């Protein structure tokens, strides 16, 4: 759980930025209560999984019942972040091998539950775009106040595009100085063309003298 700075160091500058991100998401659409947020990036190694996990933590700290879902069915990492088993997870629920209640695990953090990826399937995109996924979302909404999805990066594979229009909002994480403008715009266009609602962008790992890392949220509208 070393990457969960919002849990281990709640008074740090970085934790405050995660709370700012939470606030901006909450106010991004005053006419609609956002119940599901998808966190993705343009490429691998931009910090999307760390951002998604800490976002889930700060929502749970607010008193909401939060479900954090590892929807990266190719390179899942959530089980390592929260030090959980990954024998049963999202793929088992989608293939009707088990029910949501049996697959969800309680984390060590109050109000935060985890649905790991489960066994890596041969057809991740098909599972995420299935009718079973739509039905599962309904079950999730009935049991939790907020669902946070950690998904694969946008540009290399299609998984994130498929889930984009099923979530109330999308946060795009970009590593400072690592992503070219054309790639960033392409990722944005792909998500919006998939009928996804892009809430904003997190500029990640921007160096700052005090903490070494800095997370800042930019609204897109």
C-alpha atoms as a PDB file:
ATOM      1  CA  UNK A   1       0.000   0.000   0.000  1.00  0.00           C
ATOM      2  CA  UNK A   2       3.030   2.263  -0.437  1.00  0.00           C
ATOM      3  CA  UNK A   3       1.443   4.198  -3.321  1.00  0.00           C
ATOM      4  CA  UNK A   4      -1.606   5.177  -1.243  1.00  0.00           C
ATOM      5  CA  UNK A   5      -0.214   8.476  -0.029  1.00  0.00           C
ATOM      6  CA  UNK A   6      -3.705   9.856   0.592  1.00  0.00           C
ATOM      7  CA  UNK A   7      -4.101   7.116   3.219  1.00  0.00           C
ATOM      8  CA  UNK A   8      -0.626   7.087   4.748  1.00  0.00           C
ATOM      9  CA  UNK A   9       0.042  10.855   4.589  1.00  0.00           C
ATOM     10  CA  UNK A  10      -3.355  12.570   4.475  1.00  0.00           C
ATOM     11  CA  UNK A  11      -1.887  15.981   5.348  1.00  0.00           C
ATOM     12  CA  UNK A  12       0.685  15.993   2.547  1.00  0.00           C
ATOM     13  CA  UNK A  13       0.585  18.358  -0.430  1.00  0.00           C
ATOM     14  CA  UNK A  14      -0.077  15.484  -2.803  1.00  0.00           C
ATOM     15  CA  UNK A  15      -3.012  14.221  -0.720  1.00  0.00           C
ATOM     16  CA  UNK A  16      -4.488  17.704  -0.839  1.00  0.00           C
ATOM     17  CA  UNK A  17      -4.255  17.605  -4.632  1.00  0.00           C
ATOM     18  CA  UNK A  18      -6.223  14.355  -4.683  1.00  0.00           C
ATOM     19  CA  UNK A  19      -8.900  16.008  -2.573  1.00  0.00           C
ATOM     20  CA  UNK A  20      -8.902  18.911  -5.025  1.00  0.00           C
ATOM     21  CA  UNK A  21      -9.379  16.418  -7.845  1.00  0.00           C
ATOM     22  CA  UNK A  22     -12.314  14.901  -5.938  1.00  0.00           C
ATOM     23  CA  UNK A  23     -13.890  18.335  -5.473  1.00  0.00           C
ATOM     24  CA  UNK A  24     -13.482  19.257  -9.138  1.00  0.00           C
ATOM     25  CA  UNK A  25     -15.115  16.013 -10.197  1.00  0.00           C
ATOM     26  CA  UNK A  26     -18.033  16.622  -7.846  1.00  0.00           C
ATOM     27  CA  UNK A  27     -18.594  20.103  -9.288  1.00  0.00           C
ATOM     28  CA  UNK A  28     -17.956  19.154 -12.918  1.00  0.00           C
ATOM     29  CA  UNK A  29     -21.639  18.475 -13.528  1.00  0.00           C
ATOM     30  CA  UNK A  30     -24.000  20.198 -11.102  1.00  0.00           C
ATOM     31  CA  UNK A  31     -27.068  18.778 -12.833  1.00  0.00           C
ATOM     32  CA  UNK A  32     -26.066  15.146 -12.455  1.00  0.00           C
ATOM     33  CA  UNK A  33     -24.657  13.137  -9.572  1.00  0.00           C
ATOM     34  CA  UNK A  34     -21.526  11.363 -10.819  1.00  0.00           C
ATOM     35  CA  UNK A  35     -21.672   7.724  -9.683  1.00  0.00           C
ATOM     36  CA  UNK A  36     -18.876   6.201 -11.782  1.00  0.00           C
ATOM     37  CA  UNK A  37     -15.475   7.530 -12.801  1.00  0.00           C
ATOM     38  CA  UNK A  38     -13.074   5.913 -15.240  1.00  0.00           C
ATOM     39  CA  UNK A  39      -9.373   6.727 -14.868  1.00  0.00           C
ATOM     40  CA  UNK A  40      -7.104   6.136 -17.855  1.00  0.00           C
ATOM     41  CA  UNK A  41      -4.019   7.506 -19.618  1.00  0.00           C
ATOM     42  CA  UNK A  42      -2.569   7.780 -23.096  1.00  0.00           C
ATOM     43  CA  UNK A  43       0.171   5.202 -22.502  1.00  0.00           C
ATOM     44  CA  UNK A  44       1.520   2.899 -19.798  1.00  0.00           C
ATOM     45  CA  UNK A  45       3.567   4.194 -16.854  1.00  0.00           C
ATOM     46  CA  UNK A  46       1.850   7.564 -16.533  1.00  0.00           C
ATOM     47  CA  UNK A  47       0.501   7.003 -13.030  1.00  0.00           C
ATOM     48  CA  UNK A  48      -3.132   6.263 -13.830  1.00  0.00           C
ATOM     49  CA  UNK A  49      -3.421   3.356 -11.392  1.00  0.00           C
ATOM     50  CA  UNK A  50      -1.883   5.356  -8.544  1.00  0.00           C
ATOM     51  CA  UNK A  51      -4.200   8.265  -9.314  1.00  0.00           C
ATOM     52  CA  UNK A  52      -7.260   6.006  -9.491  1.00  0.00           C
ATOM     53  CA  UNK A  53      -6.430   4.285  -6.196  1.00  0.00           C
ATOM     54  CA  UNK A  54      -5.849   7.527  -4.317  1.00  0.00           C
ATOM     55  CA  UNK A  55      -9.001   9.048  -5.799  1.00  0.00           C
ATOM     56  CA  UNK A  56     -10.972   6.070  -4.478  1.00  0.00           C
ATOM     57  CA  UNK A  57      -9.359   6.546  -1.053  1.00  0.00           C
ATOM     58  CA  UNK A  58     -10.245  10.234  -0.730  1.00  0.00           C
ATOM     59  CA  UNK A  59     -13.846   9.519  -1.733  1.00  0.00           C
ATOM     60  CA  UNK A  60     -14.007   6.797   0.924  1.00  0.00           C
ATOM     61  CA  UNK A  61     -12.558   9.228   3.467  1.00  0.00           C
ATOM     62  CA  UNK A  62     -15.501  11.481   2.663  1.00  0.00           C
ATOM     63  CA  UNK A  63     -17.817   8.759   3.956  1.00  0.00           C
ATOM     64  CA  UNK A  64     -19.039   7.401   0.619  1.00  0.00           C
ATOM     65  CA  UNK A  65     -19.320   3.673  -0.038  1.00  0.00           C
ATOM     66  CA  UNK A  66     -16.712   3.286  -2.768  1.00  0.00           C
ATOM     67  CA  UNK A  67     -15.966   0.331  -5.023  1.00  0.00           C
ATOM     68  CA  UNK A  68     -12.583   0.399  -6.748  1.00  0.00           C
ATOM     69  CA  UNK A  69     -12.572  -1.858  -9.816  1.00  0.00           C
ATOM     70  CA  UNK A  70      -9.495  -3.109 -11.644  1.00  0.00           C
ATOM     71  CA  UNK A  71     -10.762  -3.079 -15.231  1.00  0.00           C
ATOM     72  CA  UNK A  72      -7.262  -3.393 -16.641  1.00  0.00           C
ATOM     73  CA  UNK A  73      -7.701  -7.007 -17.674  1.00  0.00           C
ATOM     74  CA  UNK A  74      -4.302  -7.153 -19.380  1.00  0.00           C
ATOM     75  CA  UNK A  75      -1.878  -5.810 -16.756  1.00  0.00           C
ATOM     76  CA  UNK A  76      -3.812  -5.616 -13.469  1.00  0.00           C
ATOM     77  CA  UNK A  77      -2.078  -4.036 -10.474  1.00  0.00           C
ATOM     78  CA  UNK A  78      -4.782  -3.294  -7.910  1.00  0.00           C
ATOM     79  CA  UNK A  79      -4.147  -6.519  -6.012  1.00  0.00           C
ATOM     80  CA  UNK A  80      -0.582  -5.370  -5.354  1.00  0.00           C
ATOM     81  CA  UNK A  81      -1.613  -1.860  -4.330  1.00  0.00           C
ATOM     82  CA  UNK A  82      -4.048  -3.152  -1.704  1.00  0.00           C
ATOM     83  CA  UNK A  83      -2.212  -6.409  -0.920  1.00  0.00           C
ATOM     84  CA  UNK A  84      -5.151  -8.640  -1.827  1.00  0.00           C
ATOM     85  CA  UNK A  85      -5.671 -12.009  -3.497  1.00  0.00           C
ATOM     86  CA  UNK A  86      -6.640 -11.991  -7.170  1.00  0.00           C
ATOM     87  CA  UNK A  87      -7.980 -15.500  -7.689  1.00  0.00           C
ATOM     88  CA  UNK A  88     -11.541 -14.196  -8.046  1.00  0.00           C
ATOM     89  CA  UNK A  89     -12.492 -10.830  -9.499  1.00  0.00           C
ATOM     90  CA  UNK A  90     -14.153  -8.927 -12.323  1.00  0.00           C
ATOM     91  CA  UNK A  91     -13.636 -11.583 -14.989  1.00  0.00           C
ATOM     92  CA  UNK A  92     -15.276 -14.238 -12.814  1.00  0.00           C
ATOM     93  CA  UNK A  93     -18.344 -12.047 -12.320  1.00  0.00           C
ATOM     94  CA  UNK A  94     -18.627 -11.175 -16.015  1.00  0.00           C
ATOM     95  CA  UNK A  95     -18.431 -14.837 -17.021  1.00  0.00           C
ATOM     96  CA  UNK A  96     -21.098 -15.775 -14.455  1.00  0.00           C
ATOM     97  CA  UNK A  97     -18.753 -17.906 -12.378  1.00  0.00           C
ATOM     98  CA  UNK A  98     -19.605 -15.953  -9.230  1.00  0.00           C
ATOM     99  CA  UNK A  99     -21.717 -13.064  -7.950  1.00  0.00           C
ATOM    100  CA  UNK A 100     -20.529  -9.515  -7.280  1.00  0.00           C
ATOM    101  CA  UNK A 101     -20.926  -9.904  -3.510  1.00  0.00           C
ATOM    102  CA  UNK A 102     -18.673 -12.948  -3.500  1.00  0.00           C
ATOM    103  CA  UNK A 103     -15.941 -11.309  -5.577  1.00  0.00           C
ATOM    104  CA  UNK A 104     -15.725  -7.940  -3.788  1.00  0.00           C
ATOM    105  CA  UNK A 105     -13.096  -7.659  -1.042  1.00  0.00           C
ATOM    106  CA  UNK A 106     -13.051  -5.258   1.891  1.00  0.00           C
ATOM    107  CA  UNK A 107      -9.892  -3.146   1.959  1.00  0.00           C
ATOM    108  CA  UNK A 108      -8.081  -2.014   5.092  1.00  0.00           C
ATOM    109  CA  UNK A 109      -9.594   1.441   4.523  1.00  0.00           C
ATOM    110  CA  UNK A 110     -13.059   2.248   5.863  1.00  0.00           C
ATOM    111  CA  UNK A 111     -15.806   2.556   3.225  1.00  0.00           C
ATOM    112  CA  UNK A 112     -13.563   1.208   0.456  1.00  0.00           C
ATOM    113  CA  UNK A 113     -14.166  -2.131  -1.273  1.00  0.00           C
ATOM    114  CA  UNK A 114     -12.062  -3.646  -4.041  1.00  0.00           C
ATOM    115  CA  UNK A 115     -12.964  -5.725  -7.084  1.00  0.00           C
ATOM    116  CA  UNK A 116      -9.701  -7.040  -8.502  1.00  0.00           C
ATOM    117  CA  UNK A 117      -9.394  -8.085 -12.131  1.00  0.00           C
ATOM    118  CA  UNK A 118      -9.573 -11.820 -11.562  1.00  0.00           C
ATOM    119  CA  UNK A 119      -7.811 -14.200 -13.984  1.00  0.00           C
ATOM    120  CA  UNK A 120      -6.586 -12.501 -17.162  1.00  0.00           C
ATOM    121  CA  UNK A 121      -9.000 -13.480 -19.981  1.00  0.00           C
ATOM    122  CA  UNK A 122      -8.225 -14.045 -23.683  1.00  0.00           C
ATOM    123  CA  UNK A 123     -10.880 -11.484 -24.695  1.00  0.00           C
ATOM    124  CA  UNK A 124     -10.719  -8.390 -22.399  1.00  0.00           C
ATOM    125  CA  UNK A 125     -12.391  -5.985 -24.828  1.00  0.00           C
ATOM    126  CA  UNK A 126     -15.324  -8.317 -25.462  1.00  0.00           C
ATOM    127  CA  UNK A 127     -15.915  -8.785 -21.726  1.00  0.00           C
ATOM    128  CA  UNK A 128     -15.869  -5.047 -20.995  1.00  0.00           C
ATOM    129  CA  UNK A 129     -18.270  -4.360 -23.855  1.00  0.00           C
ATOM    130  CA  UNK A 130     -20.667  -7.147 -23.006  1.00  0.00           C
ATOM    131  CA  UNK A 131     -24.249  -7.039 -21.774  1.00  0.00           C
ATOM    132  CA  UNK A 132     -22.926  -8.653 -18.606  1.00  0.00           C
ATOM    133  CA  UNK A 133     -20.855  -5.519 -17.942  1.00  0.00           C
ATOM    134  CA  UNK A 134     -23.897  -3.303 -18.323  1.00  0.00           C
ATOM    135  CA  UNK A 135     -25.863  -5.475 -15.917  1.00  0.00           C
ATOM    136  CA  UNK A 136     -22.982  -5.528 -13.467  1.00  0.00           C
ATOM    137  CA  UNK A 137     -22.886  -1.740 -13.413  1.00  0.00           C
ATOM    138  CA  UNK A 138     -26.516  -1.695 -12.329  1.00  0.00           C
ATOM    139  CA  UNK A 139     -25.686  -4.059  -9.464  1.00  0.00           C
ATOM    140  CA  UNK A 140     -22.744  -1.864  -8.471  1.00  0.00           C
ATOM    141  CA  UNK A 141     -24.912   1.252  -8.390  1.00  0.00           C
ATOM    142  CA  UNK A 142     -27.376  -0.523  -6.133  1.00  0.00           C
ATOM    143  CA  UNK A 143     -24.684  -1.327  -3.580  1.00  0.00           C
ATOM    144  CA  UNK A 144     -22.208   1.554  -3.725  1.00  0.00           C
ATOM    145  CA  UNK A 145     -22.237   5.346  -3.855  1.00  0.00           C
ATOM    146  CA  UNK A 146     -19.320   5.595  -6.264  1.00  0.00           C
ATOM    147  CA  UNK A 147     -17.447   3.226  -8.566  1.00  0.00           C
ATOM    148  CA  UNK A 148     -13.898   4.065  -9.670  1.00  0.00           C
ATOM    149  CA  UNK A 149     -12.515   2.096 -12.629  1.00  0.00           C
ATOM    150  CA  UNK A 150      -8.817   1.691 -13.329  1.00  0.00           C
ATOM    151  CA  UNK A 151      -8.645   0.942 -17.065  1.00  0.00           C
ATOM    152  CA  UNK A 152      -5.864   0.274 -19.599  1.00  0.00           C
ATOM    153  CA  UNK A 153      -4.285   3.191 -21.497  1.00  0.00           C
ATOM    154  CA  UNK A 154      -6.232   4.568 -24.432  1.00  0.00           C
ATOM    155  CA  UNK A 155      -3.806   4.571 -27.352  1.00  0.00           C
ATOM    156  CA  UNK A 156      -2.339   1.031 -27.406  1.00  0.00           C
ATOM    157  CA  UNK A 157      -5.603  -0.924 -27.008  1.00  0.00           C
ATOM    158  CA  UNK A 158      -9.374  -0.485 -27.299  1.00  0.00           C
ATOM    159  CA  UNK A 159     -10.499  -1.578 -23.813  1.00  0.00           C
ATOM    160  CA  UNK A 160     -10.839   1.921 -22.359  1.00  0.00           C
ATOM    161  CA  UNK A 161     -12.841   3.185 -25.356  1.00  0.00           C
ATOM    162  CA  UNK A 162     -15.390   0.436 -24.814  1.00  0.00           C
ATOM    163  CA  UNK A 163     -15.992   1.308 -21.181  1.00  0.00           C
ATOM    164  CA  UNK A 164     -15.916   5.072 -21.764  1.00  0.00           C
ATOM    165  CA  UNK A 165     -19.596   5.574 -22.567  1.00  0.00           C
ATOM    166  CA  UNK A 166     -20.729   3.379 -19.675  1.00  0.00           C
ATOM    167  CA  UNK A 167     -19.225   5.654 -17.015  1.00  0.00           C
ATOM    168  CA  UNK A 168     -20.507   9.030 -15.853  1.00  0.00           C
ATOM    169  CA  UNK A 169     -17.104  10.643 -16.300  1.00  0.00           C
ATOM    170  CA  UNK A 170     -13.500  10.092 -17.351  1.00  0.00           C
ATOM    171  CA  UNK A 171     -10.252  11.397 -15.874  1.00  0.00           C
ATOM    172  CA  UNK A 172      -7.250  11.304 -18.203  1.00  0.00           C
ATOM    173  CA  UNK A 173      -3.843  11.073 -16.488  1.00  0.00           C
ATOM    174  CA  UNK A 174      -0.777  12.419 -18.261  1.00  0.00           C
ATOM    175  CA  UNK A 175       2.836  12.236 -17.131  1.00  0.00           C
ATOM    176  CA  UNK A 176       4.416  15.672 -17.199  1.00  0.00           C
ATOM    177  CA  UNK A 177       6.978  16.039 -19.975  1.00  0.00           C
ATOM    178  CA  UNK A 178       6.429  12.515 -21.281  1.00  0.00           C
ATOM    179  CA  UNK A 179       3.402  12.771 -23.566  1.00  0.00           C
ATOM    180  CA  UNK A 180       3.530  14.696 -26.828  1.00  0.00           C
ATOM    181  CA  UNK A 181       0.717  17.099 -27.600  1.00  0.00           C
ATOM    182  CA  UNK A 182      -0.516  15.110 -30.605  1.00  0.00           C
ATOM    183  CA  UNK A 183      -0.774  11.923 -28.530  1.00  0.00           C
ATOM    184  CA  UNK A 184      -2.639  13.731 -25.767  1.00  0.00           C
ATOM    185  CA  UNK A 185      -5.120  15.214 -28.218  1.00  0.00           C
ATOM    186  CA  UNK A 186      -5.579  11.846 -29.910  1.00  0.00           C
ATOM    187  CA  UNK A 187      -6.399  10.202 -26.565  1.00  0.00           C
ATOM    188  CA  UNK A 188      -8.889  12.976 -25.806  1.00  0.00           C
ATOM    189  CA  UNK A 189     -10.539  12.623 -29.222  1.00  0.00           C
ATOM    190  CA  UNK A 190     -10.814   8.840 -28.928  1.00  0.00           C
ATOM    191  CA  UNK A 191     -12.588   9.071 -25.588  1.00  0.00           C
ATOM    192  CA  UNK A 192     -14.981  11.774 -26.756  1.00  0.00           C
ATOM    193  CA  UNK A 193     -15.695   9.966 -30.023  1.00  0.00           C
ATOM    194  CA  UNK A 194     -16.621   6.940 -27.926  1.00  0.00           C
ATOM    195  CA  UNK A 195     -19.320   9.117 -26.318  1.00  0.00           C
ATOM    196  CA  UNK A 196     -17.345   9.369 -23.104  1.00  0.00           C
ATOM    197  CA  UNK A 197     -17.614  12.446 -20.876  1.00  0.00           C
ATOM    198  CA  UNK A 198     -14.083  13.708 -20.261  1.00  0.00           C
ATOM    199  CA  UNK A 199     -14.135  15.576 -16.954  1.00  0.00           C
ATOM    200  CA  UNK A 200     -10.543  16.729 -17.043  1.00  0.00           C
ATOM    201  CA  UNK A 201      -6.859  15.898 -17.047  1.00  0.00           C
ATOM    202  CA  UNK A 202      -4.440  15.158 -14.218  1.00  0.00           C
ATOM    203  CA  UNK A 203      -0.912  16.382 -14.912  1.00  0.00           C
ATOM    204  CA  UNK A 204       1.154  13.846 -13.036  1.00  0.00           C
ATOM    205  CA  UNK A 205       4.731  13.809 -11.713  1.00  0.00           C
ATOM    206  CA  UNK A 206       5.415  17.475 -12.296  1.00  0.00           C
ATOM    207  CA  UNK A 207       8.498  18.149 -10.196  1.00  0.00           C
ATOM    208  CA  UNK A 208       8.235  20.435  -7.215  1.00  0.00           C
ATOM    209  CA  UNK A 209      11.032  21.316  -4.843  1.00  0.00           C
ATOM    210  CA  UNK A 210       9.133  20.530  -1.646  1.00  0.00           C
ATOM    211  CA  UNK A 211       7.641  17.078  -2.333  1.00  0.00           C
ATOM    212  CA  UNK A 212       9.399  15.877  -5.456  1.00  0.00           C
ATOM    213  CA  UNK A 213       6.062  15.101  -7.106  1.00  0.00           C
ATOM    214  CA  UNK A 214       3.040  17.249  -7.762  1.00  0.00           C
ATOM    215  CA  UNK A 215      -0.437  16.376  -8.931  1.00  0.00           C
ATOM    216  CA  UNK A 216      -2.650  19.035 -10.432  1.00  0.00           C
ATOM    217  CA  UNK A 217      -6.078  18.905 -12.003  1.00  0.00           C
ATOM    218  CA  UNK A 218      -7.097  20.826 -15.112  1.00  0.00           C
ATOM    219  CA  UNK A 219     -10.767  21.007 -16.091  1.00  0.00           C
ATOM    220  CA  UNK A 220     -11.440  20.590 -19.792  1.00  0.00           C
ATOM    221  CA  UNK A 221     -14.702  22.471 -20.085  1.00  0.00           C
END
